[in-house]
Amino acid sequence: MNLKRISSSTIAVFIAALLVLITGIHTENGGFQLAGVIFLLVGCVLAFNQVRKGDDLTD
């Protein structure tokens, strides 16, 4: 696993997720909170796939 493989667009998804989540928490808006959590999950999946790219687990 190489963390340097995470692209800048994935980091942008994380930043957007945090902004949406913070907005939802500040305004107590459940829709924004849910959207922030979904963005965070998408960012985690993207980052995980980029980190694992090229790693062969077959022996």
Protein backbone atom coordinates (compact mmCIF):
# COMPACT_ATOMS: atom_id res chain seq x y z
CA MET A 1 0.00 0.00 0.00
CA ASN A 2 1.41 3.34 -1.04
CA LEU A 3 -0.37 6.45 0.27
CA LYS A 4 1.37 8.58 -2.37
CA ARG A 5 -0.98 7.08 -4.98
CA ILE A 6 -3.97 9.01 -3.63
CA SER A 7 -4.85 11.65 -6.22
CA SER A 8 -5.66 15.28 -5.56
CA SER A 9 -9.25 14.77 -6.72
CA THR A 10 -9.78 12.23 -3.95
CA ILE A 11 -8.45 14.70 -1.41
CA ALA A 12 -10.88 17.27 -2.85
CA VAL A 13 -13.74 14.82 -2.22
CA PHE A 14 -12.64 14.54 1.41
CA ILE A 15 -12.52 18.34 1.78
CA ALA A 16 -15.97 18.71 0.20
CA ALA A 17 -17.30 15.98 2.49
CA LEU A 18 -15.98 17.74 5.55
CA LEU A 19 -17.45 21.08 4.47
CA VAL A 20 -20.87 19.53 3.82
CA LEU A 21 -20.77 17.58 7.08
CA ILE A 22 -19.73 20.63 9.12
CA THR A 23 -22.49 22.67 7.48
CA GLY A 24 -25.02 19.99 8.36
CA ILE A 25 -23.84 19.81 11.95
CA HIS A 26 -23.82 23.60 12.33
CA THR A 27 -27.31 24.07 10.88
CA GLU A 28 -28.64 20.80 12.36
CA ASN A 29 -29.75 19.77 8.88
CA GLY A 30 -30.00 15.98 8.62
CA GLY A 31 -29.85 16.02 4.83
CA PHE A 32 -26.48 17.78 4.79
CA GLN A 33 -25.20 15.46 7.50
CA LEU A 34 -26.23 12.40 5.50
CA ALA A 35 -24.68 13.84 2.32
CA GLY A 36 -21.45 14.53 4.21
CA VAL A 37 -21.28 10.96 5.46
CA ILE A 38 -21.95 9.61 1.97
CA PHE A 39 -19.21 11.84 0.54
CA LEU A 40 -16.82 10.55 3.22
CA LEU A 41 -17.64 6.94 2.35
CA VAL A 42 -17.10 7.61 -1.36
CA GLY A 43 -13.78 9.29 -0.57
CA CYS A 44 -12.68 6.31 1.53
CA VAL A 45 -13.56 3.86 -1.24
CA LEU A 46 -11.73 5.96 -3.83
CA ALA A 47 -8.65 6.30 -1.63
CA PHE A 48 -8.64 2.59 -0.82
CA ASN A 49 -8.84 1.65 -4.50
CA GLN A 50 -6.06 4.06 -5.44
CA VAL A 51 -3.80 2.82 -2.65
CA ARG A 52 -4.36 -0.82 -3.59
CA LYS A 53 -3.88 -0.26 -7.33
CA GLY A 54 -1.00 -2.35 -8.58
CA ASP A 55 -0.76 -4.57 -5.52
CA ASP A 56 -0.98 -8.21 -6.56
CA LEU A 57 -2.29 -10.45 -3.84
CA THR A 58 -2.20 -13.66 -5.87
CA ASP A 59 0.61 -16.06 -5.05
